[in-house]
Amino acid sequence: MTKEVKLRLRVLLAERDWEQKDLVARTNLTSRAVSDMVNDRQKSYPKASINELVNAFEITDMNELFKIVEVENEEN
């Protein structure tokens, strides 16, 4: 097993009763960028995007934004 960092965007959106479009309206992120982050389709996150999320959600502890999960190693 290895560990990966995942964004907690679905949880944060649900906690605030926001939809993805609400997050887009509160940031300078595109709909596609938000969708990709929410659906875990992005492999890396630019610092500017993280800053947008921190400000929109008023994050004071990075553990609110990220979680570490264990994933099974893919065998080739």
PDB file of N, CA and C in Angstrom:
ATOM      1  N   MET A   1       0.836  -1.187   0.000  1.00  0.00           N
ATOM      2  CA  MET A   1       0.000   0.000   0.000  1.00  0.00           C
ATOM      3  C   MET A   1       0.877   1.245   0.000  1.00  0.00           C
ATOM      4  N   THR A   2       0.419   2.240  -0.730  1.00  0.00           N
ATOM      5  CA  THR A   2       1.072   3.548  -0.716  1.00  0.00           C
ATOM      6  C   THR A   2       0.047   4.589  -0.267  1.00  0.00           C
ATOM      7  N   LYS A   3       0.537   5.766  -0.016  1.00  0.00           N
ATOM      8  CA  LYS A   3      -0.348   6.838   0.428  1.00  0.00           C
ATOM      9  C   LYS A   3      -0.402   7.931  -0.625  1.00  0.00           C
ATOM     10  N   GLU A   4      -1.573   8.558  -0.738  1.00  0.00           N
ATOM     11  CA  GLU A   4      -1.771   9.666  -1.660  1.00  0.00           C
ATOM     12  C   GLU A   4      -2.488  10.792  -0.936  1.00  0.00           C
ATOM     13  N   VAL A   5      -2.239  12.001  -1.393  1.00  0.00           N
ATOM     14  CA  VAL A   5      -2.935  13.172  -0.865  1.00  0.00           C
ATOM     15  C   VAL A   5      -4.154  13.430  -1.751  1.00  0.00           C
ATOM     16  N   LYS A   6      -5.304  13.607  -1.119  1.00  0.00           N
ATOM     17  CA  LYS A   6      -6.546  13.881  -1.841  1.00  0.00           C
ATOM     18  C   LYS A   6      -7.155  15.170  -1.326  1.00  0.00           C
ATOM     19  N   LEU A   7      -7.771  15.913  -2.224  1.00  0.00           N
ATOM     20  CA  LEU A   7      -8.512  17.099  -1.817  1.00  0.00           C
ATOM     21  C   LEU A   7      -9.855  16.684  -1.215  1.00  0.00           C
ATOM     22  N   ARG A   8     -10.329  17.416  -0.253  1.00  0.00           N
ATOM     23  CA  ARG A   8     -11.612  17.141   0.406  1.00  0.00           C
ATOM     24  C   ARG A   8     -12.703  18.070  -0.125  1.00  0.00           C
ATOM     25  N   LEU A   9     -12.656  18.385  -1.414  1.00  0.00           N
ATOM     26  CA  LEU A   9     -13.584  19.371  -1.959  1.00  0.00           C
ATOM     27  C   LEU A   9     -15.041  18.958  -1.864  1.00  0.00           C
ATOM     28  N   ARG A  10     -15.354  17.698  -2.133  1.00  0.00           N
ATOM     29  CA  ARG A  10     -16.754  17.249  -2.022  1.00  0.00           C
ATOM     30  C   ARG A  10     -17.287  17.498  -0.619  1.00  0.00           C
ATOM     31  N   VAL A  11     -16.482  17.182   0.381  1.00  0.00           N
ATOM     32  CA  VAL A  11     -16.884  17.361   1.779  1.00  0.00           C
ATOM     33  C   VAL A  11     -17.066  18.848   2.082  1.00  0.00           C
ATOM     34  N   LEU A  12     -16.104  19.663   1.667  1.00  0.00           N
ATOM     35  CA  LEU A  12     -16.179  21.096   1.931  1.00  0.00           C
ATOM     36  C   LEU A  12     -17.392  21.734   1.255  1.00  0.00           C
ATOM     37  N   LEU A  13     -17.667  21.321   0.030  1.00  0.00           N
ATOM     38  CA  LEU A  13     -18.845  21.838  -0.666  1.00  0.00           C
ATOM     39  C   LEU A  13     -20.128  21.428   0.065  1.00  0.00           C
ATOM     40  N   ALA A  14     -20.202  20.172   0.463  1.00  0.00           N
ATOM     41  CA  ALA A  14     -21.395  19.669   1.157  1.00  0.00           C
ATOM     42  C   ALA A  14     -21.589  20.367   2.502  1.00  0.00           C
ATOM     43  N   GLU A  15     -20.499  20.580   3.227  1.00  0.00           N
ATOM     44  CA  GLU A  15     -20.590  21.244   4.531  1.00  0.00           C
ATOM     45  C   GLU A  15     -21.172  22.652   4.418  1.00  0.00           C
ATOM     46  N   ARG A  16     -20.915  23.297   3.309  1.00  0.00           N
ATOM     47  CA  ARG A  16     -21.386  24.664   3.113  1.00  0.00           C
ATOM     48  C   ARG A  16     -22.656  24.731   2.273  1.00  0.00           C
ATOM     49  N   ASP A  17     -23.118  23.575   1.824  1.00  0.00           N
ATOM     50  CA  ASP A  17     -24.283  23.495   0.953  1.00  0.00           C
ATOM     51  C   ASP A  17     -24.059  24.288  -0.340  1.00  0.00           C
ATOM     52  N   TRP A  18     -22.825  24.181  -0.861  1.00  0.00           N
ATOM     53  CA  TRP A  18     -22.452  24.838  -2.105  1.00  0.00           C
ATOM     54  C   TRP A  18     -22.451  23.808  -3.229  1.00  0.00           C
ATOM     55  N   GLU A  19     -22.680  24.291  -4.436  1.00  0.00           N
ATOM     56  CA  GLU A  19     -22.481  23.493  -5.642  1.00  0.00           C
ATOM     57  C   GLU A  19     -21.160  23.937  -6.258  1.00  0.00           C
ATOM     58  N   GLN A  20     -20.713  23.191  -7.242  1.00  0.00           N
ATOM     59  CA  GLN A  20     -19.453  23.550  -7.893  1.00  0.00           C
ATOM     60  C   GLN A  20     -19.515  24.963  -8.461  1.00  0.00           C
ATOM     61  N   LYS A  21     -20.669  25.337  -9.010  1.00  0.00           N
ATOM     62  CA  LYS A  21     -20.795  26.681  -9.589  1.00  0.00           C
ATOM     63  C   LYS A  21     -20.629  27.772  -8.530  1.00  0.00           C
ATOM     64  N   ASP A  22     -21.005  27.484  -7.282  1.00  0.00           N
ATOM     65  CA  ASP A  22     -20.808  28.445  -6.197  1.00  0.00           C
ATOM     66  C   ASP A  22     -19.320  28.656  -5.936  1.00  0.00           C
ATOM     67  N   LEU A  23     -18.552  27.570  -5.990  1.00  0.00           N
ATOM     68  CA  LEU A  23     -17.110  27.674  -5.799  1.00  0.00           C
ATOM     69  C   LEU A  23     -16.470  28.453  -6.949  1.00  0.00           C
ATOM     70  N   VAL A  24     -16.927  28.205  -8.158  1.00  0.00           N
ATOM     71  CA  VAL A  24     -16.414  28.949  -9.319  1.00  0.00           C
ATOM     72  C   VAL A  24     -16.672  30.446  -9.123  1.00  0.00           C
ATOM     73  N   ALA A  25     -17.861  30.790  -8.641  1.00  0.00           N
ATOM     74  CA  ALA A  25     -18.222  32.197  -8.444  1.00  0.00           C
ATOM     75  C   ALA A  25     -17.377  32.863  -7.356  1.00  0.00           C
ATOM     76  N   ARG A  26     -16.884  32.081  -6.403  1.00  0.00           N
ATOM     77  CA  ARG A  26     -16.112  32.627  -5.279  1.00  0.00           C
ATOM     78  C   ARG A  26     -14.601  32.620  -5.537  1.00  0.00           C
ATOM     79  N   THR A  27     -14.189  32.101  -6.681  1.00  0.00           N
ATOM     80  CA  THR A  27     -12.758  31.995  -6.995  1.00  0.00           C
ATOM     81  C   THR A  27     -12.489  32.493  -8.411  1.00  0.00           C
ATOM     82  N   ASN A  28     -11.236  32.451  -8.786  1.00  0.00           N
ATOM     83  CA  ASN A  28     -10.836  32.729 -10.169  1.00  0.00           C
ATOM     84  C   ASN A  28     -10.591  31.426 -10.918  1.00  0.00           C
ATOM     85  N   LEU A  29     -11.180  30.342 -10.444  1.00  0.00           N
ATOM     86  CA  LEU A  29     -11.010  29.037 -11.086  1.00  0.00           C
ATOM     87  C   LEU A  29     -12.104  28.825 -12.123  1.00  0.00           C
ATOM     88  N   THR A  30     -11.768  28.077 -13.166  1.00  0.00           N
ATOM     89  CA  THR A  30     -12.760  27.772 -14.195  1.00  0.00           C
ATOM     90  C   THR A  30     -13.654  26.615 -13.739  1.00  0.00           C
ATOM     91  N   SER A  31     -14.790  26.478 -14.395  1.00  0.00           N
ATOM     92  CA  SER A  31     -15.691  25.360 -14.096  1.00  0.00           C
ATOM     93  C   SER A  31     -14.979  24.037 -14.299  1.00  0.00           C
ATOM     94  N   ARG A  32     -14.211  23.956 -15.352  1.00  0.00           N
ATOM     95  CA  ARG A  32     -13.491  22.711 -15.638  1.00  0.00           C
ATOM     96  C   ARG A  32     -12.467  22.396 -14.558  1.00  0.00           C
ATOM     97  N   ALA A  33     -11.723  23.417 -14.111  1.00  0.00           N
ATOM     98  CA  ALA A  33     -10.710  23.202 -13.066  1.00  0.00           C
ATOM     99  C   ALA A  33     -11.374  22.712 -11.787  1.00  0.00           C
ATOM    100  N   VAL A  34     -12.481  23.333 -11.408  1.00  0.00           N
ATOM    101  CA  VAL A  34     -13.193  22.919 -10.198  1.00  0.00           C
ATOM    102  C   VAL A  34     -13.712  21.492 -10.364  1.00  0.00           C
ATOM    103  N   SER A  35     -14.311  21.191 -11.499  1.00  0.00           N
ATOM    104  CA  SER A  35     -14.823  19.842 -11.753  1.00  0.00           C
ATOM    105  C   SER A  35     -13.707  18.810 -11.682  1.00  0.00           C
ATOM    106  N   ASP A  36     -12.575  19.111 -12.303  1.00  0.00           N
ATOM    107  CA  ASP A  36     -11.440  18.180 -12.285  1.00  0.00           C
ATOM    108  C   ASP A  36     -10.929  17.947 -10.865  1.00  0.00           C
ATOM    109  N   MET A  37     -10.898  19.003 -10.060  1.00  0.00           N
ATOM    110  CA  MET A  37     -10.425  18.848  -8.683  1.00  0.00           C
ATOM    111  C   MET A  37     -11.432  18.067  -7.840  1.00  0.00           C
ATOM    112  N   VAL A  38     -12.705  18.378  -7.989  1.00  0.00           N
ATOM    113  CA  VAL A  38     -13.747  17.689  -7.219  1.00  0.00           C
ATOM    114  C   VAL A  38     -13.777  16.203  -7.566  1.00  0.00           C
ATOM    115  N   ASN A  39     -13.595  15.882  -8.836  1.00  0.00           N
ATOM    116  CA  ASN A  39     -13.670  14.493  -9.304  1.00  0.00           C
ATOM    117  C   ASN A  39     -12.325  13.788  -9.343  1.00  0.00           C
ATOM    118  N   ASP A  40     -11.323  14.396  -8.711  1.00  0.00           N
ATOM    119  CA  ASP A  40      -9.993  13.793  -8.573  1.00  0.00           C
ATOM    120  C   ASP A  40      -9.364  13.421  -9.913  1.00  0.00           C
ATOM    121  N   ARG A  41      -9.519  14.315 -10.890  1.00  0.00           N
ATOM    122  CA  ARG A  41      -8.934  14.077 -12.209  1.00  0.00           C
ATOM    123  C   ARG A  41      -7.650  14.862 -12.414  1.00  0.00           C
ATOM    124  N   GLN A  42      -7.229  15.614 -11.413  1.00  0.00           N
ATOM    125  CA  GLN A  42      -6.003  16.388 -11.523  1.00  0.00           C
ATOM    126  C   GLN A  42      -4.895  15.684 -10.766  1.00  0.00           C
ATOM    127  N   LYS A  43      -3.728  15.616 -11.357  1.00  0.00           N
ATOM    128  CA  LYS A  43      -2.596  14.948 -10.720  1.00  0.00           C
ATOM    129  C   LYS A  43      -1.785  15.895  -9.855  1.00  0.00           C
ATOM    130  N   SER A  44      -1.861  17.184 -10.154  1.00  0.00           N
ATOM    131  CA  SER A  44      -1.150  18.176  -9.337  1.00  0.00           C
ATOM    132  C   SER A  44      -2.015  19.432  -9.268  1.00  0.00           C
ATOM    133  N   TYR A  45      -1.729  20.244  -8.264  1.00  0.00           N
ATOM    134  CA  TYR A  45      -2.531  21.434  -8.032  1.00  0.00           C
ATOM    135  C   TYR A  45      -1.616  22.646  -7.969  1.00  0.00           C
ATOM    136  N   PRO A  46      -1.787  23.585  -8.890  1.00  0.00           N
ATOM    137  CA  PRO A  46      -0.955  24.794  -8.845  1.00  0.00           C
ATOM    138  C   PRO A  46      -1.185  25.550  -7.540  1.00  0.00           C
ATOM    139  N   LYS A  47      -0.146  26.173  -7.062  1.00  0.00           N
ATOM    140  CA  LYS A  47      -0.225  26.935  -5.817  1.00  0.00           C
ATOM    141  C   LYS A  47      -1.332  27.984  -5.893  1.00  0.00           C
ATOM    142  N   ALA A  48      -1.494  28.614  -7.028  1.00  0.00           N
ATOM    143  CA  ALA A  48      -2.536  29.634  -7.187  1.00  0.00           C
ATOM    144  C   ALA A  48      -3.932  29.031  -6.985  1.00  0.00           C
ATOM    145  N   SER A  49      -4.136  27.817  -7.455  1.00  0.00           N
ATOM    146  CA  SER A  49      -5.432  27.150  -7.274  1.00  0.00           C
ATOM    147  C   SER A  49      -5.674  26.829  -5.806  1.00  0.00           C
ATOM    148  N   ILE A  50      -4.649  26.358  -5.131  1.00  0.00           N
ATOM    149  CA  ILE A  50      -4.763  26.060  -3.698  1.00  0.00           C
ATOM    150  C   ILE A  50      -5.071  27.337  -2.924  1.00  0.00           C
ATOM    151  N   ASN A  51      -4.407  28.433  -3.285  1.00  0.00           N
ATOM    152  CA  ASN A  51      -4.676  29.714  -2.628  1.00  0.00           C
ATOM    153  C   ASN A  51      -6.121  30.148  -2.834  1.00  0.00           C
ATOM    154  N   GLU A  52      -6.658  29.941  -4.020  1.00  0.00           N
ATOM    155  CA  GLU A  52      -8.057  30.275  -4.295  1.00  0.00           C
ATOM    156  C   GLU A  52      -8.988  29.473  -3.384  1.00  0.00           C
ATOM    157  N   LEU A  53      -8.705  28.179  -3.239  1.00  0.00           N
ATOM    158  CA  LEU A  53      -9.535  27.330  -2.390  1.00  0.00           C
ATOM    159  C   LEU A  53      -9.442  27.737  -0.924  1.00  0.00           C
ATOM    160  N   VAL A  54      -8.222  28.010  -0.467  1.00  0.00           N
ATOM    161  CA  VAL A  54      -8.004  28.423   0.923  1.00  0.00           C
ATOM    162  C   VAL A  54      -8.811  29.683   1.235  1.00  0.00           C
ATOM    163  N   ASN A  55      -8.800  30.634   0.328  1.00  0.00           N
ATOM    164  CA  ASN A  55      -9.532  31.880   0.548  1.00  0.00           C
ATOM    165  C   ASN A  55     -11.042  31.683   0.447  1.00  0.00           C
ATOM    166  N   ALA A  56     -11.503  30.921  -0.518  1.00  0.00           N
ATOM    167  CA  ALA A  56     -12.942  30.712  -0.695  1.00  0.00           C
ATOM    168  C   ALA A  56     -13.552  29.987   0.502  1.00  0.00           C
ATOM    169  N   PHE A  57     -12.854  28.971   0.990  1.00  0.00           N
ATOM    170  CA  PHE A  57     -13.370  28.174   2.114  1.00  0.00           C
ATOM    171  C   PHE A  57     -12.915  28.708   3.474  1.00  0.00           C
ATOM    172  N   GLU A  58     -12.103  29.772   3.448  1.00  0.00           N
ATOM    173  CA  GLU A  58     -11.556  30.346   4.679  1.00  0.00           C
ATOM    174  C   GLU A  58     -10.845  29.279   5.517  1.00  0.00           C
ATOM    175  N   ILE A  59      -9.961  28.540   4.855  1.00  0.00           N
ATOM    176  CA  ILE A  59      -9.196  27.459   5.470  1.00  0.00           C
ATOM    177  C   ILE A  59      -8.132  28.037   6.401  1.00  0.00           C
ATOM    178  N   THR A  60      -8.045  27.488   7.605  1.00  0.00           N
ATOM    179  CA  THR A  60      -7.002  27.906   8.542  1.00  0.00           C
ATOM    180  C   THR A  60      -6.047  26.764   8.869  1.00  0.00           C
ATOM    181  N   ASP A  61      -6.406  25.558   8.460  1.00  0.00           N
ATOM    182  CA  ASP A  61      -5.590  24.372   8.714  1.00  0.00           C
ATOM    183  C   ASP A  61      -5.646  23.520   7.446  1.00  0.00           C
ATOM    184  N   MET A  62      -4.496  23.233   6.878  1.00  0.00           N
ATOM    185  CA  MET A  62      -4.472  22.491   5.608  1.00  0.00           C
ATOM    186  C   MET A  62      -5.115  21.116   5.713  1.00  0.00           C
ATOM    187  N   ASN A  63      -5.252  20.577   6.922  1.00  0.00           N
ATOM    188  CA  ASN A  63      -5.949  19.298   7.090  1.00  0.00           C
ATOM    189  C   ASN A  63      -7.434  19.421   6.740  1.00  0.00           C
ATOM    190  N   GLU A  64      -7.962  20.632   6.720  1.00  0.00           N
ATOM    191  CA  GLU A  64      -9.341  20.839   6.298  1.00  0.00           C
ATOM    192  C   GLU A  64      -9.473  20.623   4.790  1.00  0.00           C
ATOM    193  N   LEU A  65      -8.412  20.901   4.054  1.00  0.00           N
ATOM    194  CA  LEU A  65      -8.435  20.853   2.599  1.00  0.00           C
ATOM    195  C   LEU A  65      -7.956  19.519   2.035  1.00  0.00           C
ATOM    196  N   PHE A  66      -7.030  18.882   2.725  1.00  0.00           N
ATOM    197  CA  PHE A  66      -6.434  17.636   2.232  1.00  0.00           C
ATOM    198  C   PHE A  66      -6.640  16.489   3.195  1.00  0.00           C
ATOM    199  N   LYS A  67      -6.619  15.280   2.654  1.00  0.00           N
ATOM    200  CA  LYS A  67      -6.573  14.079   3.484  1.00  0.00           C
ATOM    201  C   LYS A  67      -5.560  13.135   2.849  1.00  0.00           C
ATOM    202  N   ILE A  68      -5.002  12.267   3.656  1.00  0.00           N
ATOM    203  CA  ILE A  68      -4.064  11.257   3.167  1.00  0.00           C
ATOM    204  C   ILE A  68      -4.787   9.925   3.190  1.00  0.00           C
ATOM    205  N   VAL A  69      -4.793   9.251   2.050  1.00  0.00           N
ATOM    206  CA  VAL A  69      -5.473   7.960   1.943  1.00  0.00           C
ATOM    207  C   VAL A  69      -4.492   6.897   1.489  1.00  0.00           C
ATOM    208  N   GLU A  70      -4.761   5.685   1.912  1.00  0.00           N
ATOM    209  CA  GLU A  70      -3.941   4.563   1.452  1.00  0.00           C
ATOM    210  C   GLU A  70      -4.575   3.977   0.202  1.00  0.00           C
ATOM    211  N   VAL A  71      -3.745   3.684  -0.778  1.00  0.00           N
ATOM    212  CA  VAL A  71      -4.210   3.087  -2.027  1.00  0.00           C
ATOM    213  C   VAL A  71      -3.376   1.854  -2.316  1.00  0.00           C
ATOM    214  N   GLU A  72      -3.991   0.911  -2.948  1.00  0.00           N
ATOM    215  CA  GLU A  72      -3.260  -0.306  -3.305  1.00  0.00           C
ATOM    216  C   GLU A  72      -2.341  -0.020  -4.475  1.00  0.00           C
ATOM    217  N   ASN A  73      -1.168  -0.604  -4.430  1.00  0.00           N
ATOM    218  CA  ASN A  73      -0.223  -0.461  -5.531  1.00  0.00           C
ATOM    219  C   ASN A  73      -0.757  -1.204  -6.735  1.00  0.00           C
ATOM    220  N   GLU A  74      -0.599  -0.576  -7.913  1.00  0.00           N
ATOM    221  CA  GLU A  74      -1.010  -1.250  -9.140  1.00  0.00           C
ATOM    222  C   GLU A  74       0.112  -2.164  -9.596  1.00  0.00           C
ATOM    223  N   GLU A  75      -0.226  -3.410  -9.813  1.00  0.00           N
ATOM    224  CA  GLU A  75       0.756  -4.376 -10.319  1.00  0.00           C
ATOM    225  C   GLU A  75       0.710  -4.389 -11.832  1.00  0.00           C
ATOM    226  N   ASN A  76       1.863  -4.320 -12.465  1.00  0.00           N
ATOM    227  CA  ASN A  76       1.910  -4.351 -13.946  1.00  0.00           C
ATOM    228  C   ASN A  76       2.186  -5.733 -14.448  1.00  0.00           C
TER     229      ASN A  76
END
